[in-house]
Amino acid sequence: RRRRNPELDESQYETDYTTAVESGDERDQDQWASLYPPIASDGTRQKYKQEFDTDLKRYKQLCAEMDGVNDRLNQLSKQLDSISEDSPQYQVRARRGLARDPSPDYQTKKMETKTLRNKLFHIKRMVSDYDKV
């Protein structure tokens, strides 16, 4: 299992334009293109970079939070794997784990992470395109 550390593993946060974007995100790309059109001035470039830096911090924070939830779920899964499903211990731990499972919050954060990632890809591409000119 690969554990992510936001300060040590920067590769997961790469927003290089060569990194594949998930299929089905064309609508999001159109949305980002209308909100963040190609850069035409240094001032706009600076504004995009500031927003990118702010959003990247939030993206890393969300990834770390989701990693924490995933770690807890993996720990629960390992505990349950070592106990017979018929035992009272299994039932208690399974219920306790499900009670702590923040599914709605997790799904919201997962969607926010995906949205931020797509936004970061787009802004990075706009800055990169401007810098090539």
Protein backbone atom coordinates (compact mmCIF):
# COMPACT_ATOMS: atom_id res chain seq x y z
CA ARG A 1 0.00 0.00 0.00
CA ARG A 2 1.35 3.38 -1.00
CA ARG A 3 0.98 6.05 1.62
CA ARG A 4 0.85 9.64 0.48
CA ASN A 5 2.60 12.40 2.34
CA PRO A 6 1.76 15.86 0.96
CA GLU A 7 5.16 17.26 1.90
CA LEU A 8 7.24 14.40 0.55
CA ASP A 9 5.41 13.07 -2.48
CA GLU A 10 4.88 15.97 -4.83
CA SER A 11 4.39 13.74 -7.88
CA GLN A 12 0.76 13.06 -6.97
CA TYR A 13 0.07 16.76 -7.22
CA GLU A 14 1.65 17.27 -10.62
CA THR A 15 -0.60 19.22 -12.87
CA ASP A 16 1.52 18.88 -15.95
CA TYR A 17 -0.51 19.11 -19.15
CA THR A 18 0.86 15.70 -20.22
CA THR A 19 -0.84 13.94 -17.33
CA ALA A 20 -3.97 12.17 -18.54
CA VAL A 21 -7.29 13.69 -17.58
CA GLU A 22 -10.04 11.26 -16.66
CA SER A 23 -12.52 10.52 -19.43
CA GLY A 24 -15.86 12.27 -19.24
CA ASP A 25 -14.36 15.54 -18.06
CA GLU A 26 -14.83 17.44 -21.31
CA ARG A 27 -17.73 19.39 -19.78
CA ASP A 28 -15.46 20.43 -16.93
CA GLN A 29 -12.79 21.47 -19.41
CA ASP A 30 -15.30 23.68 -21.22
CA GLN A 31 -16.35 25.19 -17.91
CA TRP A 32 -12.76 25.93 -16.92
CA ALA A 33 -12.01 27.33 -20.38
CA SER A 34 -14.86 29.83 -20.00
CA LEU A 35 -13.85 30.77 -16.45
CA TYR A 36 -10.12 30.86 -17.19
CA PRO A 37 -9.58 31.82 -20.85
CA PRO A 38 -6.10 31.97 -22.37
CA ILE A 39 -3.83 34.47 -20.66
CA ALA A 40 -3.17 37.72 -22.53
CA SER A 41 -1.21 39.74 -19.95
CA ASP A 42 1.30 39.37 -17.14
CA GLY A 43 -1.33 40.61 -14.70
CA THR A 44 -3.73 37.83 -15.64
CA ARG A 45 -0.88 35.31 -15.41
CA GLN A 46 -0.12 36.49 -11.87
CA LYS A 47 -3.79 36.26 -10.90
CA TYR A 48 -4.01 32.69 -12.25
CA LYS A 49 -0.81 31.69 -10.42
CA GLN A 50 -2.10 33.10 -7.12
CA GLU A 51 -5.35 31.19 -7.49
CA PHE A 52 -3.42 28.06 -8.47
CA ASP A 53 -1.24 28.29 -5.35
CA THR A 54 -4.27 28.76 -3.08
CA ASP A 55 -6.17 25.89 -4.68
CA LEU A 56 -3.12 23.61 -4.60
CA LYS A 57 -2.92 24.04 -0.82
CA ARG A 58 -6.60 23.09 -0.50
CA TYR A 59 -6.11 20.12 -2.85
CA LYS A 60 -3.21 18.81 -0.76
CA GLN A 61 -5.23 19.27 2.44
CA LEU A 62 -8.16 17.32 0.99
CA CYS A 63 -5.86 14.52 -0.18
CA ALA A 64 -4.35 14.25 3.29
CA GLU A 65 -7.82 14.14 4.91
CA MET A 66 -9.00 11.47 2.50
CA ASP A 67 -5.84 9.47 3.13
CA GLY A 68 -6.65 9.55 6.84
CA VAL A 69 -10.13 8.17 6.20
CA ASN A 70 -8.74 5.51 3.88
CA ASP A 71 -6.14 4.53 6.49
CA ARG A 72 -8.87 4.10 9.13
CA LEU A 73 -11.00 2.01 6.77
CA ASN A 74 -8.00 -0.15 5.84
CA GLN A 75 -7.21 -0.64 9.53
CA LEU A 76 -10.81 -1.68 10.22
CA SER A 77 -10.73 -4.05 7.26
CA LYS A 78 -7.56 -5.71 8.56
CA GLN A 79 -9.11 -6.07 12.01
CA LEU A 80 -12.26 -7.60 10.57
CA ASP A 81 -10.23 -9.98 8.39
CA SER A 82 -8.59 -11.42 11.49
CA ILE A 83 -11.90 -12.13 13.26
CA SER A 84 -14.56 -14.69 12.43
CA GLU A 85 -17.67 -13.10 10.92
CA ASP A 86 -19.83 -15.04 13.37
CA SER A 87 -18.13 -13.66 16.45
CA PRO A 88 -19.62 -10.87 18.57
CA GLN A 89 -16.31 -8.99 18.26
CA TYR A 90 -16.74 -8.86 14.50
CA GLN A 91 -20.25 -7.43 14.77
CA VAL A 92 -19.20 -4.80 17.33
CA ARG A 93 -16.16 -3.67 15.33
CA ALA A 94 -18.06 -3.63 12.06
CA ARG A 95 -20.82 -1.46 13.56
CA ARG A 96 -18.31 0.82 15.24
CA GLY A 97 -16.42 1.23 11.97
CA LEU A 98 -19.56 1.96 10.00
CA ALA A 99 -20.68 4.50 12.59
CA ARG A 100 -17.40 6.39 12.14
CA ASP A 101 -17.49 6.18 8.35
CA PRO A 102 -18.10 9.73 7.10
CA SER A 103 -19.50 8.58 3.75
CA PRO A 104 -21.42 11.74 2.75
CA ASP A 105 -18.53 13.99 3.82
CA TYR A 106 -16.02 11.69 2.15
CA GLN A 107 -17.95 11.71 -1.13
CA THR A 108 -18.21 15.51 -1.02
CA LYS A 109 -14.47 15.86 -0.44
CA LYS A 110 -13.74 13.32 -3.15
CA MET A 111 -15.78 15.38 -5.63
CA GLU A 112 -14.13 18.61 -4.49
CA THR A 113 -10.73 16.98 -4.96
CA LYS A 114 -11.60 15.95 -8.51
CA THR A 115 -12.95 19.41 -9.31
CA LEU A 116 -9.87 21.12 -7.91
CA ARG A 117 -7.58 18.74 -9.77
CA ASN A 118 -9.27 19.56 -13.08
CA LYS A 119 -9.13 23.28 -12.32
CA LEU A 120 -5.44 23.04 -11.44
CA PHE A 121 -4.73 21.16 -14.68
CA HIS A 122 -6.47 23.87 -16.67
CA ILE A 123 -4.80 26.82 -14.95
CA LYS A 124 -1.40 25.18 -15.25
CA ARG A 125 -1.99 24.64 -18.96
CA MET A 126 -3.02 28.29 -19.44
CA VAL A 127 0.10 29.54 -17.63
CA SER A 128 2.32 27.12 -19.56
CA ASP A 129 0.81 28.18 -22.89
CA TYR A 130 1.32 31.86 -22.02
CA ASP A 131 4.92 31.24 -20.99
CA LYS A 132 5.66 29.58 -24.35
CA VAL A 133 4.75 32.77 -26.23
